[in-house]
Amino acid sequence: MKKTFFSLCLATVSLLNLTDSFAQKGKLYTFPIGVESYTYRASFPKNVIATLDTIKALGITDMEGGAPKGYTEAEFKKLCDERGIKISATGGGYEELAKDPMPAINKAKALGASFIMCAWIPHQKANFNLENAKKAVEDFNRIGKTMKENGITFCYHNHGYEFHPYEDGTLYDYIVKNTNPQYVSFEMDILWTQHGGADPVALLKKYGNRYKLMHLKDLKKGVKGDLTGGTPPENDVVLGDGQVNIPEILRLAKKAGVKHYYIEDESNKEYEQMPKSIAYLKSLKE
């Protein structure tokens, strides 16, 4: 990790005083600052301690992620605990969860996480279809039931390809409507929702409390989305600089009872963009 990046991060944080509580009267964003650990995918393999120190310096106290390579869940949790960072959610691959959810459940418990999210349904690229959706519904209901029985909430994280038209809606609608609300909840990734041609605001109005987690990220203005579930990293911009209606999304997410919000910066400029994204959230008013 480059020292100049860390110094820039610390200087920016100091100027913005981002460690202040977000729960101020009139503030729209009143929840602990969260981050998806994938944001620092380039940094964690180089220096886990320095990366966690950077996250702490930003005032972040909530994380979605798992133990980096070379660390056990207990070891990573200890490092996070020492910095006041709670790991509230972690992830699991579709195949591993479908085969047996218990290893992922045990890892989540060791991390102190209450949620496990799955971020991808196997399918042919740009050709997500009804059979994929039906299989996912069957697997998600079974996985979610096992997780609930073990004190964990299962969430599916959308990636945009699910918004293929189906009947009077989309295949995403099919998944939401056919999964059992007792066992399956959702994590809305607002960039991928927008990129897939859906409206995050409309979905929050439609499905409300099915959403428990949220990825906060913004899509560059002028970018036209598609159903591939992919876009170049340069299209991931500072929150508030893109085309996603973040203030209205946050208003509705609060109303729906979303529990955790994680900034996920998939650009290659996370050290530059993260402080700006946090400052943007802090600036939002009711």
Protein backbone atom coordinates (compact mmCIF):
# COMPACT_ATOMS: atom_id res chain seq x y z
CA MET A 1 0.00 0.00 0.00
CA LYS A 2 1.35 3.37 -0.96
CA LYS A 3 2.06 5.67 1.97
CA THR A 4 0.92 8.71 -0.02
CA PHE A 5 -2.55 7.22 -0.39
CA PHE A 6 -2.83 6.57 3.34
CA SER A 7 -1.60 10.08 4.17
CA LEU A 8 -4.08 11.61 1.75
CA CYS A 9 -6.86 9.57 3.28
CA LEU A 10 -5.97 10.67 6.82
CA ALA A 11 -5.68 14.31 5.83
CA THR A 12 -9.05 14.29 4.11
CA VAL A 13 -10.70 12.58 7.06
CA SER A 14 -9.24 15.13 9.46
CA LEU A 15 -10.58 18.02 7.43
CA LEU A 16 -14.05 16.52 7.15
CA ASN A 17 -14.21 15.38 10.77
CA LEU A 18 -15.89 12.20 9.65
CA THR A 19 -15.73 10.53 13.03
CA ASP A 20 -18.63 12.67 14.21
CA SER A 21 -21.93 10.87 14.70
CA PHE A 22 -24.18 10.74 11.68
CA ALA A 23 -27.21 10.72 13.94
CA GLN A 24 -27.68 14.48 13.93
CA LYS A 25 -31.01 16.23 13.66
CA GLY A 26 -31.95 16.84 10.04
CA LYS A 27 -29.46 14.32 8.66
CA LEU A 28 -30.74 11.83 6.12
CA TYR A 29 -28.01 9.27 6.64
CA THR A 30 -28.15 8.36 10.34
CA PHE A 31 -26.57 4.90 10.38
CA PRO A 32 -23.04 3.71 11.17
CA ILE A 33 -20.73 4.11 8.18
CA GLY A 34 -20.37 0.72 6.53
CA VAL A 35 -18.05 -0.62 3.86
CA GLU A 36 -18.01 -3.72 1.67
CA SER A 37 -14.51 -5.14 2.04
CA TYR A 38 -14.28 -5.71 -1.74
CA THR A 39 -13.65 -1.98 -1.93
CA TYR A 40 -10.14 -2.68 -0.62
CA ARG A 41 -9.56 -5.84 -2.67
CA ALA A 42 -6.20 -4.51 -3.87
CA SER A 43 -5.03 -3.50 -0.39
CA PHE A 44 -6.00 -6.41 1.85
CA PRO A 45 -3.63 -8.91 0.14
CA LYS A 46 -0.73 -6.48 0.61
CA ASN A 47 -1.26 -5.40 4.22
CA VAL A 48 -4.31 -6.34 6.26
CA ILE A 49 -3.36 -4.23 9.28
CA ALA A 50 -2.74 -1.06 7.27
CA THR A 51 -5.98 -1.56 5.35
CA LEU A 52 -7.99 -1.91 8.54
CA ASP A 53 -6.27 1.18 9.93
CA THR A 54 -7.31 3.08 6.80
CA ILE A 55 -10.90 1.90 7.25
CA LYS A 56 -10.85 2.94 10.89
CA ALA A 57 -9.41 6.37 9.99
CA LEU A 58 -12.41 6.96 7.73
CA GLY A 59 -14.72 6.55 10.70
CA ILE A 60 -16.11 3.27 9.39
CA THR A 61 -17.53 1.02 12.10
CA ASP A 62 -19.46 -1.56 10.07
CA MET A 63 -18.18 -4.01 7.47
CA GLU A 64 -19.42 -6.68 5.12
CA GLY A 65 -16.67 -9.16 4.39
CA GLY A 66 -14.75 -12.25 5.34
CA ALA A 67 -11.36 -13.21 6.68
CA PRO A 68 -8.52 -12.37 4.23
CA LYS A 69 -6.19 -15.10 3.05
CA GLY A 70 -3.86 -16.19 5.80
CA TYR A 71 -6.23 -15.26 8.63
CA THR A 72 -8.82 -17.28 10.49
CA GLU A 73 -12.23 -15.76 11.11
CA ALA A 74 -11.39 -15.40 14.81
CA GLU A 75 -8.09 -13.66 14.06
CA PHE A 76 -9.70 -11.23 11.63
CA LYS A 77 -12.57 -10.49 14.01
CA LYS A 78 -10.07 -9.67 16.75
CA LEU A 79 -8.28 -7.17 14.50
CA CYS A 80 -11.59 -5.55 13.59
CA ASP A 81 -12.78 -5.49 17.20
CA GLU A 82 -9.58 -3.70 18.22
CA ARG A 83 -10.47 -0.95 15.76
CA GLY A 84 -14.14 -0.69 16.63
CA ILE A 85 -15.26 -2.30 13.38
CA LYS A 86 -18.14 -4.78 13.49
CA ILE A 87 -18.46 -7.41 10.77
CA SER A 88 -22.25 -7.48 10.43
CA ALA A 89 -22.44 -9.47 7.19
CA THR A 90 -20.33 -11.85 5.16
CA GLY A 91 -20.73 -13.66 1.86
CA GLY A 92 -21.02 -17.14 0.48
CA GLY A 93 -20.76 -18.59 -3.01
CA TYR A 94 -23.89 -20.06 -4.56
CA GLU A 95 -22.44 -23.53 -5.11
CA GLU A 96 -21.01 -23.85 -1.61
CA LEU A 97 -24.24 -22.64 -0.02
CA ALA A 98 -26.39 -24.94 -2.14
CA LYS A 99 -24.19 -27.92 -1.27
CA ASP A 100 -24.16 -27.24 2.49
CA PRO A 101 -24.83 -23.88 4.18
CA MET A 102 -23.32 -24.94 7.51
CA PRO A 103 -19.64 -24.10 6.79
CA ALA A 104 -20.67 -20.57 5.80
CA ILE A 105 -22.90 -20.31 8.86
CA ASN A 106 -20.03 -21.34 11.13
CA LYS A 107 -17.71 -18.79 9.50
CA ALA A 108 -20.33 -16.07 9.91
CA LYS A 109 -20.72 -16.85 13.59
CA ALA A 110 -16.96 -16.81 14.10
CA LEU A 111 -16.87 -13.35 12.49
CA GLY A 112 -19.79 -12.14 14.62
CA ALA A 113 -21.94 -11.63 11.50
CA SER A 114 -25.73 -11.86 11.51
CA PHE A 115 -26.18 -11.91 7.73
CA ILE A 116 -24.86 -14.01 4.86
CA MET A 117 -25.32 -12.70 1.35
CA CYS A 118 -25.02 -14.48 -1.97
CA ALA A 119 -24.08 -12.18 -4.84
CA TRP A 120 -24.33 -14.34 -7.95
CA ILE A 121 -26.59 -16.99 -9.48
CA PRO A 122 -24.76 -19.22 -11.98
CA HIS A 123 -25.99 -18.66 -15.54
CA GLN A 124 -24.83 -18.17 -19.10
CA LYS A 125 -23.51 -14.61 -19.47
CA ALA A 126 -26.21 -12.12 -20.50
CA ASN A 127 -28.73 -14.97 -20.67
CA PHE A 128 -30.23 -15.32 -17.20
CA ASN A 129 -33.45 -17.23 -17.71
CA LEU A 130 -36.52 -18.62 -15.95
CA GLU A 131 -34.89 -21.96 -15.26
CA ASN A 132 -32.01 -20.19 -13.50
CA ALA A 133 -34.51 -18.21 -11.45
CA LYS A 134 -36.58 -21.29 -10.52
CA LYS A 135 -33.46 -23.16 -9.41
CA ALA A 136 -32.36 -20.16 -7.34
CA VAL A 137 -35.76 -19.90 -5.66
CA GLU A 138 -35.65 -23.57 -4.70
CA ASP A 139 -32.10 -23.33 -3.38
CA PHE A 140 -32.59 -19.99 -1.62
CA ASN A 141 -35.64 -21.20 0.30
CA ARG A 142 -33.75 -24.27 1.49
CA ILE A 143 -30.55 -22.35 2.31
CA GLY A 144 -32.46 -19.59 4.07
CA LYS A 145 -34.40 -22.05 6.21
CA THR A 146 -31.20 -23.65 7.46
CA MET A 147 -29.70 -20.24 8.16
CA LYS A 148 -32.74 -19.04 10.09
CA GLU A 149 -32.65 -22.19 12.21
CA ASN A 150 -29.07 -21.25 13.07
CA GLY A 151 -29.72 -17.58 13.84
CA ILE A 152 -28.48 -16.13 10.54
CA THR A 153 -30.41 -14.10 7.94
CA PHE A 154 -29.84 -15.02 4.30
CA CYS A 155 -29.87 -12.23 1.68
CA TYR A 156 -29.63 -12.34 -2.08
CA HIS A 157 -27.61 -9.50 -3.62
CA ASN A 158 -28.74 -8.48 -7.12
CA HIS A 159 -26.28 -7.88 -9.96
CA GLY A 160 -28.50 -6.46 -12.68
CA TYR A 161 -28.89 -9.50 -14.93
CA GLU A 162 -32.03 -10.53 -13.01
CA PHE A 163 -34.10 -7.78 -14.64
CA HIS A 164 -34.84 -9.69 -17.83
CA PRO A 165 -38.53 -9.16 -18.65
CA TYR A 166 -40.86 -11.91 -17.45
CA GLU A 167 -44.66 -11.86 -17.61
CA ASP A 168 -45.78 -8.49 -16.25
CA GLY A 169 -42.45 -7.80 -14.51
CA THR A 170 -38.96 -9.27 -14.44
CA LEU A 171 -37.20 -12.42 -13.31
CA TYR A 172 -36.14 -10.47 -10.24
CA ASP A 173 -39.84 -10.03 -9.39
CA TYR A 174 -40.24 -13.79 -9.84
CA ILE A 175 -37.44 -14.47 -7.35
CA VAL A 176 -38.78 -12.05 -4.74
CA LYS A 177 -42.36 -13.29 -5.03
CA ASN A 178 -41.49 -16.98 -4.92
CA THR A 179 -38.98 -16.97 -2.07
CA ASN A 180 -40.30 -17.35 1.45
CA PRO A 181 -40.03 -14.02 3.36
CA GLN A 182 -39.33 -16.00 6.53
CA TYR A 183 -36.17 -17.44 5.01
CA VAL A 184 -35.01 -15.14 2.22
CA SER A 185 -34.27 -11.43 2.41
CA PHE A 186 -32.48 -9.15 -0.04
CA GLU A 187 -29.52 -6.84 -0.31
CA MET A 188 -30.05 -4.11 -2.88
CA ASP A 189 -27.00 -3.03 -4.82
CA ILE A 190 -28.21 0.32 -6.09
CA LEU A 191 -25.66 0.59 -8.92
CA TRP A 192 -26.42 -2.85 -10.32
CA THR A 193 -30.14 -2.22 -9.98
CA GLN A 194 -29.78 0.97 -12.02
CA HIS A 195 -27.39 -0.65 -14.50
CA GLY A 196 -29.82 -3.51 -15.09
CA GLY A 197 -32.54 -1.09 -16.14
CA ALA A 198 -34.58 -1.23 -12.94
CA ASP A 199 -35.56 1.60 -10.61
CA PRO A 200 -34.21 1.25 -7.05
CA VAL A 201 -36.84 3.69 -5.76
CA ALA A 202 -39.69 1.72 -7.32
CA LEU A 203 -38.34 -1.58 -5.98
CA LEU A 204 -38.07 -0.19 -2.45
CA LYS A 205 -41.67 0.99 -2.69
CA LYS A 206 -42.75 -2.39 -4.03
CA TYR A 207 -40.87 -4.78 -1.76
CA GLY A 208 -40.07 -2.64 1.29
CA ASN A 209 -39.09 -4.78 4.23
CA ARG A 210 -37.74 -7.63 2.11
CA TYR A 211 -34.58 -5.51 1.97
CA LYS A 212 -32.27 -5.86 4.96
CA LEU A 213 -28.91 -4.76 3.49
CA MET A 214 -27.79 -2.21 0.89
CA HIS A 215 -24.69 -1.52 -1.20
CA LEU A 216 -24.19 2.20 -1.73
CA LYS A 217 -22.47 3.01 -5.02
CA ASP A 218 -23.08 5.31 -7.97
CA LEU A 219 -23.07 4.80 -11.74
CA LYS A 220 -21.35 7.36 -13.95
CA LYS A 221 -23.71 9.72 -15.72
CA GLY A 222 -24.37 8.86 -19.36
CA VAL A 223 -23.56 5.19 -18.96
CA LYS A 224 -26.22 2.99 -20.48
CA GLY A 225 -26.69 -0.24 -18.60
CA ASP A 226 -27.41 -3.76 -19.81
CA LEU A 227 -28.20 -7.23 -18.47
CA THR A 228 -24.64 -8.58 -18.28
CA GLY A 229 -24.07 -7.82 -14.60
CA GLY A 230 -20.80 -6.11 -15.45
CA THR A 231 -19.41 -2.65 -16.18
CA PRO A 232 -15.84 -1.21 -16.27
CA PRO A 233 -14.47 0.07 -12.93
CA GLU A 234 -14.23 3.65 -14.22
CA ASN A 235 -18.05 3.71 -14.31
CA ASP A 236 -18.15 3.44 -10.49
CA VAL A 237 -18.03 7.04 -9.29
CA VAL A 238 -18.18 9.02 -6.03
CA LEU A 239 -21.60 8.84 -4.37
CA GLY A 240 -23.70 11.75 -5.58
CA ASP A 241 -21.70 12.27 -8.77
CA GLY A 242 -23.59 9.68 -10.80
CA GLN A 243 -27.08 8.91 -12.03
CA VAL A 244 -28.49 7.03 -9.02
CA ASN A 245 -31.09 8.87 -6.93
CA ILE A 246 -29.34 8.24 -3.62
CA PRO A 247 -31.29 10.70 -1.39
CA GLU A 248 -34.66 9.20 -2.30
CA ILE A 249 -33.29 5.67 -2.05
CA LEU A 250 -32.04 6.37 1.48
CA ARG A 251 -35.37 7.88 2.52
CA LEU A 252 -37.24 4.80 1.37
CA ALA A 253 -34.61 2.39 2.71
CA LYS A 254 -34.94 3.91 6.18
CA LYS A 255 -38.72 3.56 5.94
CA ALA A 256 -38.36 -0.05 4.80
CA GLY A 257 -36.10 -0.88 7.74
CA VAL A 258 -32.83 -1.64 5.95
CA LYS A 259 -30.41 -2.66 8.70
CA HIS A 260 -26.95 -2.08 7.23
CA TYR A 261 -25.55 0.17 4.49
CA TYR A 262 -22.17 -0.62 2.94
CA ILE A 263 -20.31 1.72 0.62
CA GLU A 264 -18.82 -0.40 -2.13
CA ASP A 265 -16.36 1.36 -4.40
CA GLU A 266 -15.48 -0.87 -7.35
CA SER A 267 -13.32 1.76 -9.03
CA ASN A 268 -9.55 1.61 -8.94
CA LYS A 269 -9.50 4.95 -7.09
CA GLU A 270 -10.94 3.89 -3.75
CA TYR A 271 -8.45 5.94 -1.69
CA GLU A 272 -9.49 9.07 -3.55
CA GLN A 273 -13.21 8.34 -3.77
CA MET A 274 -14.10 6.85 -0.38
CA PRO A 275 -13.59 10.04 1.70
CA LYS A 276 -15.63 12.00 -0.85
CA SER A 277 -18.46 9.44 -0.79
CA ILE A 278 -18.59 9.55 3.00
CA ALA A 279 -18.62 13.36 2.96
CA TYR A 280 -21.52 13.24 0.51
CA LEU A 281 -23.55 10.98 2.79
CA LYS A 282 -22.81 13.25 5.72
CA SER A 283 -24.06 16.26 3.76
CA LEU A 284 -27.49 14.82 3.00
CA LYS A 285 -30.44 16.45 4.77
CA GLU A 286 -33.93 15.16 5.37
